[in-house]
Amino acid sequence: MNRNTARKVSLMTAVLTLAALPGLAEGPSPGWTGSWAASPMGFTVKPDHDAANTTYRDIVHLTAGGDGIRIQLTNEFGTSPLTVGASHVAISAADGATQPGTDHALTFHGQTSVMIPAGAMVLSDPVPLKVDAFANLAVSVYLPTQPIAVTTCHSFADATSFTAPGDDTAAATMTGEQPDYSWCFVKGVDVKATKKSAAIVAFGDSITDGAHSTRDANQRWPDLLAQRLHANKKTAELGVLNQGIGGNRLLHDNAGPNALARFDRDVLAQSGVKYLILLEGINDIGRTAKPIDPGDEITTEQLEFAMEQMVERAHQHGIKVFGATLTPYVGAGYQSPAGEQMRQAFNQWIRTSGTFDGVIDFDKATQDPAKPDVFLPADDSGDHLHPNDAGYKAMANSIDLSLFK
């Protein structure tokens, strides 16, 4: 046997030996999958308000369970480095308190404090806290005294979190706490994955964000979809990440960066994403028909192009994409006949273009059968643009779970 032949035999033997070892033949071990997320935005700190020397206790609602967690902290819109002096996570109890025996200090490379550069986010070290689907976590972040010009938060959370002066991160009950209806400096919670785990990203505007749903009741359509998934044995280990921003647009910055600009951060960078639901465009249509700024106007073709771009980028990462039709908006403050024509044309394109891996017809799920261009009255929050709790439930119930095979 010559040297080259012997080398080939040796390499083949090594490959066969590795393949026979437990676990190696099946690929890498499972990592992490998203269980909760919120899309961050930047907010300028008012001159009479000090964002530092404060504990922010964000109460977040998980959609998938796991044997361990890790937390994502964010300074993505900050204009200077952000020092986190301490941070903790625990199972939430009532009124901002935490359940005894569940509190864990977060560490970052073994350290309890961390500096987050401007424009960046960080992942905590793994936390040995077992969590169930639909558990509420209290994630507490203390910012010591430092100049903070811009905070990174998700506003309009439709959930009650809390702030308190000083470092209250380890306190079971905060002192001097005040309610806060945003999620600040926390952007995601991942859970340890199993081989069946995966995440679905719900990407959109205020209708995905859950505007006009009941506060603290988790009645947004992504929440209700997560409940349906968990009740089905075949989909029980899927998490749902709500990446909706109220007022968001496909093609122009409005509330938060435009959809194309935030797509990589809010979709592709999320843990364990396998599916994506796209529901966006109604704010572009409303502002086109009734523009506020000179650059507001767009065309249906531009909306279609934006969707095609996101589908292509998702497909490059192995993510299946489901297009969702826009819900009725006749009677809303920025509705117009021209805008309704655009909505109908855009919805028809979503249904028939073949761009998506599947279609979810939220328009049909929420419209009045007797007058399809308006909300079914029982599903209308009253502003003729956003659903109420019943409308969000109708949206969630209209989704065919076989899409998530």
Protein backbone atom coordinates (compact mmCIF):
# COMPACT_ATOMS: atom_id res chain seq x y z
CA MET A 1 0.00 0.00 0.00
CA ASN A 2 1.54 3.33 -1.01
CA ARG A 3 1.51 6.44 1.12
CA ASN A 4 -1.45 8.13 -0.70
CA THR A 5 -3.59 4.99 -0.50
CA ALA A 6 -2.79 4.57 3.18
CA ARG A 7 -3.73 8.21 3.81
CA LYS A 8 -7.12 7.79 2.08
CA VAL A 9 -7.86 4.64 4.07
CA SER A 10 -6.88 6.41 7.30
CA LEU A 11 -9.15 9.38 6.54
CA MET A 12 -12.06 7.10 5.63
CA THR A 13 -11.60 5.14 8.86
CA ALA A 14 -11.64 8.38 10.85
CA VAL A 15 -14.85 9.55 9.16
CA LEU A 16 -16.58 6.22 9.81
CA THR A 17 -15.42 6.24 13.42
CA LEU A 18 -16.78 9.76 13.98
CA ALA A 19 -20.09 8.89 12.33
CA ALA A 20 -20.48 5.94 14.68
CA LEU A 21 -20.06 8.04 17.82
CA PRO A 22 -23.31 8.87 19.69
CA GLY A 23 -24.93 12.07 18.44
CA LEU A 24 -22.38 12.93 15.76
CA ALA A 25 -24.13 11.14 12.92
CA GLU A 26 -27.25 13.24 13.53
CA GLY A 27 -25.58 16.62 13.10
CA PRO A 28 -24.93 19.32 15.71
CA SER A 29 -26.82 19.31 18.99
CA PRO A 30 -29.79 21.67 19.30
CA GLY A 31 -28.96 25.23 20.30
CA TRP A 32 -31.43 28.01 21.05
CA THR A 33 -34.81 29.11 19.78
CA GLY A 34 -36.69 32.33 20.35
CA SER A 35 -39.53 32.35 22.88
CA TRP A 36 -40.22 36.09 23.19
CA ALA A 37 -39.08 39.17 21.30
CA ALA A 38 -39.91 42.82 20.79
CA SER A 39 -38.64 45.14 18.07
CA PRO A 40 -36.65 48.00 19.60
CA MET A 41 -36.82 51.68 18.69
CA GLY A 42 -34.89 54.75 19.80
CA PHE A 43 -36.32 57.41 22.12
CA THR A 44 -34.61 60.68 22.96
CA VAL A 45 -34.41 61.22 26.71
CA LYS A 46 -36.21 64.38 27.79
CA PRO A 47 -34.04 67.05 29.45
CA ASP A 48 -36.00 66.80 32.71
CA HIS A 49 -35.74 63.01 32.89
CA ASP A 50 -32.77 60.90 33.99
CA ALA A 51 -32.83 57.40 32.49
CA ALA A 52 -29.88 56.29 34.64
CA ASN A 53 -29.67 55.14 38.28
CA THR A 54 -32.84 53.22 37.52
CA THR A 55 -33.95 49.59 37.50
CA TYR A 56 -36.12 48.59 34.56
CA ARG A 57 -38.15 45.46 35.28
CA ASP A 58 -39.63 44.23 32.00
CA ILE A 59 -42.43 41.67 32.28
CA VAL A 60 -42.40 39.42 29.22
CA HIS A 61 -44.67 36.55 28.17
CA LEU A 62 -42.96 33.46 26.76
CA THR A 63 -44.44 31.40 23.93
CA ALA A 64 -42.22 28.31 24.26
CA GLY A 65 -40.69 26.52 27.22
CA GLY A 66 -37.24 25.07 27.76
CA ASP A 67 -34.72 23.71 30.25
CA GLY A 68 -32.69 26.92 30.21
CA ILE A 69 -32.82 30.47 28.91
CA ARG A 70 -30.65 33.34 27.79
CA ILE A 71 -31.55 37.03 27.63
CA GLN A 72 -30.86 39.57 24.89
CA LEU A 73 -30.07 43.10 26.09
CA THR A 74 -29.95 45.98 23.64
CA ASN A 75 -28.37 49.38 23.08
CA GLU A 76 -29.03 49.29 19.35
CA PHE A 77 -30.34 52.85 19.18
CA GLY A 78 -28.05 54.29 21.83
CA THR A 79 -25.60 56.98 20.79
CA SER A 80 -22.97 56.07 23.39
CA PRO A 81 -21.88 52.90 25.21
CA LEU A 82 -24.37 51.69 27.82
CA THR A 83 -23.18 50.24 31.13
CA VAL A 84 -25.48 47.69 32.74
CA GLY A 85 -24.49 47.49 36.39
CA ALA A 86 -26.56 44.41 37.22
CA SER A 87 -29.36 42.36 35.71
CA HIS A 88 -31.54 39.52 36.96
CA VAL A 89 -34.25 37.23 35.65
CA ALA A 90 -36.98 35.46 37.60
CA ILE A 91 -40.47 34.07 37.19
CA SER A 92 -42.86 36.99 37.56
CA ALA A 93 -45.49 37.26 40.27
CA ALA A 94 -48.19 39.91 40.64
CA ASP A 95 -47.52 43.65 40.47
CA GLY A 96 -43.88 43.42 39.48
CA ALA A 97 -42.82 41.03 42.22
CA THR A 98 -40.91 37.80 41.55
CA GLN A 99 -41.59 34.24 42.64
CA PRO A 100 -39.37 33.01 45.50
CA GLY A 101 -36.58 30.66 44.53
CA THR A 102 -36.56 31.61 40.84
CA ASP A 103 -34.23 34.62 40.79
CA HIS A 104 -30.95 34.35 38.86
CA ALA A 105 -28.30 37.00 38.29
CA LEU A 106 -27.42 37.39 34.63
CA THR A 107 -23.77 37.14 33.69
CA PHE A 108 -21.86 38.04 30.57
CA HIS A 109 -18.64 36.06 30.13
CA GLY A 110 -18.98 35.36 33.84
CA GLN A 111 -19.30 39.02 34.84
CA THR A 112 -22.41 40.57 36.38
CA SER A 113 -21.91 43.93 34.66
CA VAL A 114 -21.55 44.55 30.95
CA MET A 115 -20.82 47.46 28.63
CA ILE A 116 -22.95 47.41 25.47
CA PRO A 117 -21.48 49.48 22.63
CA ALA A 118 -23.65 51.99 20.84
CA GLY A 119 -25.67 50.22 18.16
CA ALA A 120 -25.08 46.77 19.64
CA MET A 121 -26.85 44.02 21.58
CA VAL A 122 -25.47 41.30 23.84
CA LEU A 123 -26.49 37.79 24.84
CA SER A 124 -26.32 36.71 28.46
CA ASP A 125 -24.60 33.54 29.54
CA PRO A 126 -27.01 30.58 29.74
CA VAL A 127 -29.29 30.65 32.79
CA PRO A 128 -30.27 27.30 34.42
CA LEU A 129 -33.92 28.30 34.82
CA LYS A 130 -36.52 25.87 33.48
CA VAL A 131 -39.50 27.71 32.04
CA ASP A 132 -42.88 26.63 30.72
CA ALA A 133 -44.63 27.95 27.66
CA PHE A 134 -46.67 31.05 28.57
CA ALA A 135 -44.67 31.77 31.71
CA ASN A 136 -44.18 35.44 32.55
CA LEU A 137 -40.60 36.45 33.24
CA ALA A 138 -39.38 39.51 35.09
CA VAL A 139 -36.13 40.72 33.52
CA SER A 140 -34.56 43.46 35.65
CA VAL A 141 -31.83 45.75 34.30
CA TYR A 142 -30.03 48.34 36.43
CA LEU A 143 -28.35 51.29 34.71
CA PRO A 144 -25.91 53.10 37.02
CA THR A 145 -25.37 56.84 36.75
CA GLN A 146 -24.15 57.69 33.25
CA PRO A 147 -25.15 60.01 30.42
CA ILE A 148 -27.96 58.47 28.36
CA ALA A 149 -29.25 60.55 25.45
CA VAL A 150 -31.28 57.86 23.65
CA THR A 151 -32.96 54.82 25.18
CA THR A 152 -33.63 51.62 23.24
CA CYS A 153 -37.18 50.48 23.99
CA HIS A 154 -40.29 48.99 22.47
CA SER A 155 -43.17 51.34 23.16
CA PHE A 156 -46.89 50.49 23.23
CA ALA A 157 -46.23 47.11 24.82
CA ASP A 158 -49.85 46.62 25.95
CA ALA A 159 -48.23 45.12 29.03
CA THR A 160 -47.26 46.56 32.39
CA SER A 161 -43.60 46.66 33.35
CA PHE A 162 -42.00 48.66 36.15
CA THR A 163 -39.19 51.08 36.97
CA ALA A 164 -37.69 51.92 40.35
CA PRO A 165 -34.85 54.15 41.55
CA GLY A 166 -31.50 52.56 42.30
CA ASP A 167 -30.49 48.92 41.97
CA ASP A 168 -33.54 46.78 42.68
CA THR A 169 -32.62 43.98 40.29
CA ALA A 170 -32.42 41.29 42.99
CA ALA A 171 -35.41 42.50 45.00
CA ALA A 172 -38.43 40.21 45.11
CA THR A 173 -40.57 43.32 45.61
CA MET A 174 -39.36 46.63 44.23
CA THR A 175 -39.31 49.82 46.30
CA GLY A 176 -40.93 52.94 44.89
CA GLU A 177 -41.80 51.21 41.65
CA GLN A 178 -43.79 52.95 38.93
CA PRO A 179 -45.69 51.26 36.10
CA ASP A 180 -44.21 51.54 32.63
CA TYR A 181 -45.88 50.43 29.43
CA SER A 182 -42.77 49.87 27.35
CA TRP A 183 -40.09 47.18 27.23
CA CYS A 184 -36.71 48.87 27.65
CA PHE A 185 -33.22 47.46 27.08
CA VAL A 186 -34.53 43.88 26.77
CA LYS A 187 -35.26 42.65 23.25
CA GLY A 188 -35.51 38.87 23.44
CA VAL A 189 -35.59 35.65 25.42
CA ASP A 190 -34.27 32.41 23.95
CA VAL A 191 -34.89 28.94 25.37
CA LYS A 192 -32.78 25.82 25.02
CA ALA A 193 -33.98 24.07 21.92
CA THR A 194 -34.96 20.49 21.26
CA LYS A 195 -34.79 18.82 17.87
CA LYS A 196 -38.43 19.84 17.28
CA SER A 197 -38.04 23.46 18.38
CA ALA A 198 -38.31 26.36 15.96
CA ALA A 199 -39.51 29.94 15.94
CA ILE A 200 -42.12 31.76 13.87
CA VAL A 201 -41.58 35.49 13.38
CA ALA A 202 -44.71 37.62 13.09
CA PHE A 203 -43.47 40.74 11.30
CA GLY A 204 -45.62 43.80 10.89
CA ASP A 205 -47.13 46.99 12.27
CA SER A 206 -49.57 47.86 15.06
CA ILE A 207 -52.00 45.10 14.08
CA THR A 208 -49.25 42.57 14.83
CA ASP A 209 -48.09 44.60 17.83
CA GLY A 210 -51.58 44.15 19.29
CA ALA A 211 -52.85 47.74 19.42
CA HIS A 212 -56.25 47.99 21.16
CA SER A 213 -55.98 44.50 22.65
CA THR A 214 -56.59 44.19 26.38
CA ARG A 215 -53.53 45.23 28.36
CA ASP A 216 -51.72 42.41 30.19
CA ALA A 217 -54.07 39.78 28.70
CA ASN A 218 -51.78 38.65 25.84
CA GLN A 219 -54.57 38.77 23.27
CA ARG A 220 -52.46 39.82 20.28
CA TRP A 221 -52.90 37.50 17.31
CA PRO A 222 -49.32 36.14 17.64
CA ASP A 223 -50.05 35.29 21.30
CA LEU A 224 -53.25 33.49 20.33
CA LEU A 225 -51.47 31.67 17.51
CA ALA A 226 -48.90 30.47 20.05
CA GLN A 227 -51.70 29.07 22.21
CA ARG A 228 -53.13 27.14 19.25
CA LEU A 229 -49.70 25.81 18.31
CA HIS A 230 -49.01 24.64 21.86
CA ALA A 231 -52.33 22.78 22.00
CA ASN A 232 -51.42 20.82 18.86
CA LYS A 233 -48.97 17.97 19.45
CA LYS A 234 -47.29 18.43 16.06
CA THR A 235 -46.56 22.13 16.64
CA ALA A 236 -46.30 22.29 20.43
CA GLU A 237 -42.61 23.23 20.48
CA LEU A 238 -42.86 26.23 18.16
CA GLY A 239 -42.32 29.69 19.61
CA VAL A 240 -43.81 32.88 18.16
CA LEU A 241 -41.77 36.10 18.09
CA ASN A 242 -43.81 39.28 17.78
CA GLN A 243 -41.81 41.77 15.71
CA GLY A 244 -44.62 44.24 15.14
CA ILE A 245 -44.16 47.99 15.59
CA GLY A 246 -47.15 50.31 15.78
CA GLY A 247 -47.06 52.76 12.86
CA ASN A 248 -44.31 50.86 11.03
CA ARG A 249 -44.06 51.02 7.25
CA LEU A 250 -42.54 48.92 4.49
CA LEU A 251 -40.72 51.64 2.61
CA HIS A 252 -40.31 54.71 4.84
CA ASP A 253 -39.14 55.21 8.40
CA ASN A 254 -42.06 56.19 10.58
CA ALA A 255 -42.37 54.41 13.91
CA GLY A 256 -39.07 52.59 13.99
CA PRO A 257 -36.95 51.89 10.92
CA ASN A 258 -38.78 50.81 7.76
CA ALA A 259 -39.41 47.10 7.32
CA LEU A 260 -36.59 46.55 4.84
CA ALA A 261 -34.10 48.30 7.12
CA ARG A 262 -34.98 46.28 10.23
CA PHE A 263 -35.52 42.95 8.50
CA ASP A 264 -32.08 41.46 9.15
CA ARG A 265 -32.12 42.42 12.83
CA ASP A 266 -35.74 41.51 13.60
CA VAL A 267 -36.03 38.37 11.47
CA LEU A 268 -32.79 36.87 10.22
CA ALA A 269 -30.83 37.43 13.44
CA GLN A 270 -33.45 35.77 15.64
CA SER A 271 -32.72 32.36 17.13
CA GLY A 272 -34.08 29.23 15.47
CA VAL A 273 -36.35 30.94 12.94
CA LYS A 274 -38.00 28.54 10.51
CA TYR A 275 -41.15 30.44 9.51
CA LEU A 276 -42.10 34.06 8.82
CA ILE A 277 -45.52 35.72 8.58
CA LEU A 278 -45.50 39.08 6.77
CA LEU A 279 -48.36 41.51 7.51
CA GLU A 280 -47.38 45.04 6.57
CA GLY A 281 -48.29 47.82 4.16
CA ILE A 282 -51.47 49.45 5.44
CA ASN A 283 -49.57 52.45 6.86
CA ASP A 284 -47.81 52.96 3.52
CA ILE A 285 -51.19 52.90 1.79
CA GLY A 286 -52.81 55.26 4.28
CA ARG A 287 -49.98 57.77 4.10
CA THR A 288 -49.90 57.58 0.29
CA ALA A 289 -53.56 58.47 -0.07
CA LYS A 290 -53.31 61.16 2.63
CA PRO A 291 -49.63 62.17 2.66
CA ILE A 292 -48.10 64.12 5.53
CA ASP A 293 -44.58 64.43 4.10
CA PRO A 294 -43.56 64.96 0.44
CA GLY A 295 -41.96 61.51 0.24
CA ASP A 296 -44.93 59.59 1.59
CA GLU A 297 -46.40 58.46 -1.70
CA ILE A 298 -45.65 54.97 -2.96
CA THR A 299 -47.20 52.60 -5.51
CA THR A 300 -48.64 49.12 -5.22
CA GLU A 301 -45.72 47.90 -7.32
CA GLN A 302 -43.27 49.29 -4.77
CA LEU A 303 -45.08 47.44 -1.98
CA GLU A 304 -44.86 44.23 -4.00
CA PHE A 305 -41.15 44.81 -4.59
CA ALA A 306 -40.53 45.27 -0.87
CA MET A 307 -42.31 42.00 -0.11
CA GLU A 308 -40.34 40.17 -2.80
CA GLN A 309 -37.10 41.46 -1.30
CA MET A 310 -37.96 40.12 2.14
CA VAL A 311 -39.11 36.77 0.77
CA GLU A 312 -35.86 36.36 -1.16
CA ARG A 313 -33.73 37.27 1.85
CA ALA A 314 -35.65 34.88 4.09
CA HIS A 315 -35.39 32.05 1.57
CA GLN A 316 -31.61 32.49 1.50
CA HIS A 317 -31.70 31.56 5.20
CA GLY A 318 -34.01 28.58 4.75
CA ILE A 319 -37.05 30.38 6.18
CA LYS A 320 -40.52 29.71 4.78
CA VAL A 321 -42.56 32.88 4.24
CA PHE A 322 -46.32 33.27 4.48
CA GLY A 323 -47.93 36.41 3.10
CA ALA A 324 -50.88 37.82 5.05
CA THR A 325 -53.53 39.97 3.42
CA LEU A 326 -54.19 43.43 4.84
CA THR A 327 -57.27 43.71 7.04
CA PRO A 328 -60.10 46.18 6.21
CA TYR A 329 -59.55 49.87 6.87
CA VAL A 330 -62.52 51.75 5.37
CA GLY A 331 -63.62 54.20 8.03
CA ALA A 332 -60.12 54.63 9.48
CA GLY A 333 -58.69 58.12 9.83
CA TYR A 334 -56.43 57.86 6.80
CA GLN A 335 -58.66 55.77 4.54
CA SER A 336 -59.61 56.96 1.06
CA PRO A 337 -61.14 55.44 -2.09
CA ALA A 338 -57.72 55.46 -3.78
CA GLY A 339 -56.16 53.78 -0.77
CA GLU A 340 -58.84 51.09 -0.72
CA GLN A 341 -58.13 50.36 -4.38
CA MET A 342 -54.46 49.92 -3.47
CA ARG A 343 -55.31 47.62 -0.57
CA GLN A 344 -57.52 45.46 -2.77
CA ALA A 345 -54.86 45.28 -5.50
CA PHE A 346 -52.11 44.46 -2.99
CA ASN A 347 -54.21 41.75 -1.37
CA GLN A 348 -54.99 40.22 -4.75
CA TRP A 349 -51.28 40.13 -5.53
CA ILE A 350 -50.54 38.46 -2.17
CA ARG A 351 -53.18 35.81 -2.86
CA THR A 352 -52.29 35.04 -6.48
CA SER A 353 -48.68 36.00 -7.27
CA GLY A 354 -47.07 32.79 -6.03
CA THR A 355 -44.41 34.86 -4.26
CA PHE A 356 -45.02 33.24 -0.89
CA ASP A 357 -44.79 29.71 0.45
CA GLY A 358 -48.37 30.10 1.62
CA VAL A 359 -51.05 32.74 2.15
CA ILE A 360 -52.93 33.69 5.32
CA ASP A 361 -56.12 35.59 4.51
CA PHE A 362 -56.57 37.97 7.43
CA ASP A 363 -58.72 40.20 5.23
CA LYS A 364 -61.29 37.47 4.80
CA ALA A 365 -61.07 36.48 8.47
CA THR A 366 -62.03 39.94 9.75
CA GLN A 367 -64.25 41.48 7.07
CA ASP A 368 -68.00 41.95 7.26
CA PRO A 369 -69.44 39.42 4.76
CA ALA A 370 -72.20 41.89 3.91
CA LYS A 371 -69.69 44.68 3.27
CA PRO A 372 -66.22 43.20 2.74
CA ASP A 373 -64.33 46.50 2.76
CA VAL A 374 -65.06 47.08 6.47
CA PHE A 375 -64.40 45.17 9.67
CA LEU A 376 -67.02 42.84 11.01
CA PRO A 377 -68.48 45.07 13.75
CA ALA A 378 -67.90 42.44 16.44
CA ASP A 379 -64.17 42.37 15.55
CA ASP A 380 -63.64 46.16 15.27
CA SER A 381 -61.88 48.01 18.10
CA GLY A 382 -63.86 51.09 17.13
CA ASP A 383 -61.26 52.91 15.05
CA HIS A 384 -62.04 50.80 11.95
CA LEU A 385 -58.34 49.98 11.58
CA HIS A 386 -57.38 47.75 14.50
CA PRO A 387 -59.14 44.60 15.67
CA ASN A 388 -60.36 44.13 19.22
CA ASP A 389 -59.67 40.94 21.19
CA ALA A 390 -62.32 39.06 19.21
CA GLY A 391 -60.81 40.26 15.95
CA TYR A 392 -57.33 39.16 16.97
CA LYS A 393 -58.75 35.77 17.89
CA ALA A 394 -60.42 35.52 14.47
CA MET A 395 -57.07 36.27 12.85
CA ALA A 396 -55.24 33.62 14.88
CA ASN A 397 -57.96 31.04 14.28
CA SER A 398 -57.82 31.61 10.52
CA ILE A 399 -54.22 30.36 10.29
CA ASP A 400 -53.90 26.81 8.99
CA LEU A 401 -51.50 25.06 11.38
CA SER A 402 -50.50 22.62 8.65
CA LEU A 403 -48.39 25.47 7.22
CA PHE A 404 -45.91 24.78 10.01
CA LYS A 405 -45.02 21.22 9.07
